[in-house]
C-alpha atoms as a PDB file:
ATOM      1  CA  MET A   1       0.000   0.000   0.000  1.00  0.00           C
ATOM      2  CA  LYS A   2       2.784   2.451   0.963  1.00  0.00           C
ATOM      3  CA  ARG A   3       4.661   1.558  -2.194  1.00  0.00           C
ATOM      4  CA  THR A   4       1.621   2.257  -4.415  1.00  0.00           C
ATOM      5  CA  CYS A   5       1.057   5.579  -2.679  1.00  0.00           C
ATOM      6  CA  ARG A   6       4.692   6.621  -3.238  1.00  0.00           C
ATOM      7  CA  PHE A   7       4.523   5.746  -6.929  1.00  0.00           C
ATOM      8  CA  THR A   8       1.256   7.641  -7.289  1.00  0.00           C
ATOM      9  CA  LEU A   9       2.687  10.723  -5.568  1.00  0.00           C
ATOM     10  CA  ALA A  10       5.875  10.531  -7.628  1.00  0.00           C
ATOM     11  CA  GLY A  11       3.816  10.228 -10.812  1.00  0.00           C
ATOM     12  CA  LEU A  12       1.680  13.240  -9.888  1.00  0.00           C
ATOM     13  CA  LEU A  13       4.813  15.269  -9.122  1.00  0.00           C
ATOM     14  CA  VAL A  14       6.343  14.442 -12.514  1.00  0.00           C
ATOM     15  CA  VAL A  15       3.118  15.298 -14.362  1.00  0.00           C
ATOM     16  CA  THR A  16       2.834  18.582 -12.452  1.00  0.00           C
ATOM     17  CA  LEU A  17       6.424  19.540 -13.292  1.00  0.00           C
ATOM     18  CA  VAL A  18       6.081  18.641 -16.967  1.00  0.00           C
ATOM     19  CA  VAL A  19       2.804  20.534 -17.398  1.00  0.00           C
ATOM     20  CA  GLY A  20       3.977  23.511 -15.334  1.00  0.00           C
ATOM     21  CA  CYS A  21       7.309  23.865 -17.114  1.00  0.00           C
ATOM     22  CA  THR A  22       6.042  23.392 -20.644  1.00  0.00           C
ATOM     23  CA  SER A  23       5.970  26.514 -22.773  1.00  0.00           C
ATOM     24  CA  ASP A  24       5.056  26.988 -26.382  1.00  0.00           C
ATOM     25  CA  TYR A  25       7.762  27.831 -28.826  1.00  0.00           C
ATOM     26  CA  GLY A  26       7.435  29.681 -32.070  1.00  0.00           C
ATOM     27  CA  LYS A  27       9.201  28.610 -35.228  1.00  0.00           C
ATOM     28  CA  ILE A  28      10.663  29.806 -38.465  1.00  0.00           C
ATOM     29  CA  ARG A  29       9.717  28.602 -41.919  1.00  0.00           C
ATOM     30  CA  THR A  30      11.222  29.545 -45.255  1.00  0.00           C
ATOM     31  CA  VAL A  31       9.265  32.047 -47.305  1.00  0.00           C
ATOM     32  CA  GLU A  32       7.554  30.369 -50.245  1.00  0.00           C
ATOM     33  CA  LYS A  33       8.464  31.273 -53.820  1.00  0.00           C
ATOM     34  CA  GLY A  34       6.442  34.279 -54.881  1.00  0.00           C
ATOM     35  CA  GLY A  35       6.092  35.381 -51.248  1.00  0.00           C
ATOM     36  CA  MET A  36       7.869  38.158 -49.363  1.00  0.00           C
ATOM     37  CA  THR A  37      11.371  39.088 -50.532  1.00  0.00           C
ATOM     38  CA  ILE A  38      14.280  40.694 -48.730  1.00  0.00           C
ATOM     39  CA  GLU A  39      14.163  43.493 -51.328  1.00  0.00           C
ATOM     40  CA  ALA A  40      10.515  44.262 -50.470  1.00  0.00           C
ATOM     41  CA  LEU A  41      11.357  44.322 -46.753  1.00  0.00           C
ATOM     42  CA  VAL A  42      14.233  46.746 -47.327  1.00  0.00           C
ATOM     43  CA  SER A  43      12.082  48.960 -49.587  1.00  0.00           C
ATOM     44  CA  ASN A  44       9.415  49.138 -46.881  1.00  0.00           C
ATOM     45  CA  TRP A  45      11.853  49.315 -43.963  1.00  0.00           C
ATOM     46  CA  SER A  46       9.928  52.125 -42.233  1.00  0.00           C
ATOM     47  CA  SER A  47       6.944  49.772 -41.748  1.00  0.00           C
ATOM     48  CA  TYR A  48       9.031  47.525 -39.499  1.00  0.00           C
ATOM     49  CA  ASN A  49      10.891  47.572 -36.227  1.00  0.00           C
ATOM     50  CA  ILE A  50      14.214  46.154 -37.380  1.00  0.00           C
ATOM     51  CA  TYR A  51      16.900  44.469 -35.267  1.00  0.00           C
ATOM     52  CA  TYR A  52      20.197  42.816 -36.076  1.00  0.00           C
ATOM     53  CA  ALA A  53      22.233  40.155 -34.315  1.00  0.00           C
ATOM     54  CA  GLY A  54      26.000  40.142 -34.637  1.00  0.00           C
ATOM     55  CA  THR A  55      29.139  41.493 -33.057  1.00  0.00           C
ATOM     56  CA  LYS A  56      28.651  44.954 -34.558  1.00  0.00           C
ATOM     57  CA  PRO A  57      26.456  46.623 -37.220  1.00  0.00           C
ATOM     58  CA  GLU A  58      29.067  46.043 -39.927  1.00  0.00           C
ATOM     59  CA  VAL A  59      29.052  42.282 -39.251  1.00  0.00           C
ATOM     60  CA  PRO A  60      25.444  41.097 -38.832  1.00  0.00           C
ATOM     61  CA  VAL A  61      24.512  37.424 -38.956  1.00  0.00           C
ATOM     62  CA  ALA A  62      20.749  37.986 -38.802  1.00  0.00           C
ATOM     63  CA  ILE A  63      18.213  40.774 -39.363  1.00  0.00           C
ATOM     64  CA  LEU A  64      14.739  40.658 -37.799  1.00  0.00           C
ATOM     65  CA  PHE A  65      11.784  42.545 -39.328  1.00  0.00           C
ATOM     66  CA  ASP A  66       8.851  43.089 -36.931  1.00  0.00           C
ATOM     67  CA  PRO A  67       5.795  44.717 -38.606  1.00  0.00           C
ATOM     68  CA  LYS A  68       4.864  47.871 -36.668  1.00  0.00           C
ATOM     69  CA  ASP A  69       1.098  47.847 -37.138  1.00  0.00           C
ATOM     70  CA  ASP A  70       0.144  44.171 -36.879  1.00  0.00           C
ATOM     71  CA  GLY A  71      -1.096  44.297 -33.278  1.00  0.00           C
ATOM     72  CA  LYS A  72       1.590  41.825 -32.192  1.00  0.00           C
ATOM     73  CA  THR A  73       4.688  42.328 -30.085  1.00  0.00           C
ATOM     74  CA  VAL A  74       8.142  40.920 -30.703  1.00  0.00           C
ATOM     75  CA  ASN A  75      10.395  41.249 -27.666  1.00  0.00           C
ATOM     76  CA  VAL A  76      14.081  40.633 -28.311  1.00  0.00           C
ATOM     77  CA  SER A  77      16.982  39.613 -26.108  1.00  0.00           C
ATOM     78  CA  PRO A  78      19.887  42.032 -25.549  1.00  0.00           C
ATOM     79  CA  LYS A  79      21.773  40.161 -28.312  1.00  0.00           C
ATOM     80  CA  TRP A  80      19.608  42.048 -30.833  1.00  0.00           C
ATOM     81  CA  GLU A  81      20.234  45.747 -31.543  1.00  0.00           C
ATOM     82  CA  LYS A  82      17.751  48.145 -33.148  1.00  0.00           C
ATOM     83  CA  VAL A  83      18.437  49.347 -36.699  1.00  0.00           C
ATOM     84  CA  ARG A  84      17.425  52.982 -37.154  1.00  0.00           C
ATOM     85  CA  ASN A  85      17.833  53.861 -40.841  1.00  0.00           C
ATOM     86  CA  GLU A  86      17.465  52.515 -44.364  1.00  0.00           C
ATOM     87  CA  THR A  87      21.151  52.830 -45.221  1.00  0.00           C
ATOM     88  CA  SER A  88      22.079  50.565 -42.306  1.00  0.00           C
ATOM     89  CA  VAL A  89      19.459  47.999 -43.349  1.00  0.00           C
ATOM     90  CA  GLN A  90      20.776  48.030 -46.926  1.00  0.00           C
ATOM     91  CA  GLN A  91      24.388  47.613 -45.764  1.00  0.00           C
ATOM     92  CA  MET A  92      23.480  44.749 -43.440  1.00  0.00           C
ATOM     93  CA  VAL A  93      21.527  42.887 -46.117  1.00  0.00           C
ATOM     94  CA  HIS A  94      24.415  43.405 -48.553  1.00  0.00           C
ATOM     95  CA  PHE A  95      26.907  42.056 -46.009  1.00  0.00           C
ATOM     96  CA  ILE A  96      24.840  38.914 -45.367  1.00  0.00           C
ATOM     97  CA  LYS A  97      24.426  38.315 -49.115  1.00  0.00           C
ATOM     98  CA  MET A  98      28.178  38.721 -49.694  1.00  0.00           C
ATOM     99  CA  GLN A  99      29.082  36.315 -46.876  1.00  0.00           C
ATOM    100  CA  GLY A 100      26.776  33.727 -48.382  1.00  0.00           C
ATOM    101  CA  GLY A 101      28.574  34.148 -51.694  1.00  0.00           C
ATOM    102  CA  GLN A 102      31.840  33.319 -49.937  1.00  0.00           C
ATOM    103  CA  GLY A 103      30.504  30.027 -48.634  1.00  0.00           C
ATOM    104  CA  LEU A 104      30.043  31.131 -45.024  1.00  0.00           C
ATOM    105  CA  GLY A 105      26.400  30.119 -44.890  1.00  0.00           C
ATOM    106  CA  THR A 106      23.271  30.366 -46.982  1.00  0.00           C
ATOM    107  CA  PRO A 107      21.364  33.629 -46.538  1.00  0.00           C
ATOM    108  CA  THR A 108      17.722  32.699 -46.132  1.00  0.00           C
ATOM    109  CA  LEU A 109      14.556  34.726 -45.616  1.00  0.00           C
ATOM    110  CA  TRP A 110      12.365  33.094 -42.975  1.00  0.00           C
ATOM    111  CA  LYS A 111       8.853  33.737 -41.680  1.00  0.00           C
ATOM    112  CA  VAL A 112       8.827  34.155 -37.898  1.00  0.00           C
ATOM    113  CA  LEU A 113       5.765  32.332 -36.597  1.00  0.00           C
ATOM    114  CA  GLY A 114       4.068  31.966 -33.241  1.00  0.00           C
ATOM    115  CA  PRO A 115       3.126  28.530 -31.882  1.00  0.00           C
ATOM    116  CA  ASP A 116      -0.213  28.704 -33.723  1.00  0.00           C
ATOM    117  CA  ASP A 117       1.581  29.549 -37.015  1.00  0.00           C
ATOM    118  CA  SER A 118       0.519  33.213 -36.930  1.00  0.00           C
ATOM    119  CA  LEU A 119       3.001  35.526 -38.655  1.00  0.00           C
ATOM    120  CA  PHE A 120       5.035  37.778 -36.360  1.00  0.00           C
ATOM    121  CA  GLY A 121       7.580  39.003 -38.915  1.00  0.00           C
ATOM    122  CA  TYR A 122      10.574  37.950 -40.979  1.00  0.00           C
ATOM    123  CA  ALA A 123      14.204  37.114 -40.354  1.00  0.00           C
ATOM    124  CA  TYR A 124      17.042  37.237 -42.872  1.00  0.00           C
ATOM    125  CA  ILE A 125      19.665  34.877 -41.530  1.00  0.00           C
ATOM    126  CA  LEU A 126      23.144  33.807 -42.620  1.00  0.00           C
ATOM    127  CA  PHE A 127      23.402  30.860 -40.207  1.00  0.00           C
ATOM    128  CA  PHE A 128      21.942  29.641 -36.891  1.00  0.00           C
ATOM    129  CA  GLU A 129      18.267  29.823 -36.070  1.00  0.00           C
ATOM    130  CA  PRO A 130      16.787  32.177 -33.507  1.00  0.00           C
ATOM    131  CA  ILE A 131      15.046  30.783 -30.450  1.00  0.00           C
ATOM    132  CA  ILE A 132      11.413  31.910 -30.395  1.00  0.00           C
ATOM    133  CA  ARG A 133       9.327  31.570 -27.263  1.00  0.00           C
ATOM    134  CA  SER A 134       5.649  32.417 -26.996  1.00  0.00           C
ATOM    135  CA  ILE A 135       4.704  34.760 -24.161  1.00  0.00           C
ATOM    136  CA  ASP A 136       1.016  34.904 -25.101  1.00  0.00           C
ATOM    137  CA  GLN A 137      -1.130  34.875 -28.268  1.00  0.00           C
ATOM    138  CA  LYS A 138       0.133  38.301 -29.342  1.00  0.00           C
ATOM    139  CA  THR A 139       3.675  38.321 -27.926  1.00  0.00           C
ATOM    140  CA  ILE A 140       6.833  36.352 -28.654  1.00  0.00           C
ATOM    141  CA  PHE A 141      10.391  36.614 -27.348  1.00  0.00           C
ATOM    142  CA  VAL A 142      13.246  36.150 -29.812  1.00  0.00           C
ATOM    143  CA  ASP A 143      16.758  35.196 -28.751  1.00  0.00           C
ATOM    144  CA  TYR A 144      19.817  34.377 -30.829  1.00  0.00           C
ATOM    145  CA  PRO A 145      22.223  31.569 -29.904  1.00  0.00           C
ATOM    146  CA  GLY A 146      25.332  33.510 -30.911  1.00  0.00           C
END
């Protein structure tokens, strides 16, 4: 009897921990052919909150485009820095494209999605994938492993 009770309590504790510690993660998916392009994002840069990840602005490894008026919030870790002008966005995109041409990765435009596949923005990435955690239905947190 005592043994059964211990196993039952242990099982309940494990279930409680698993359920309590589970959080939903967002994801990234490649943009389909005929969909959004990096050129369109750069042309409409003022419609987005834009962040880069990298050691300095001249050496980005990823650029994040968060639409300003979509009613959703993208919070970023301190590894991301805000980009404030079109020239910087153009230079960063050019740098990532050039690095890809030198075999240092494959620049890819990704859709940033919440756990329910709702679109939160776009990421142009040379290598590595960001870590996307859902805070609530309208908020995600984006980190970068670098």
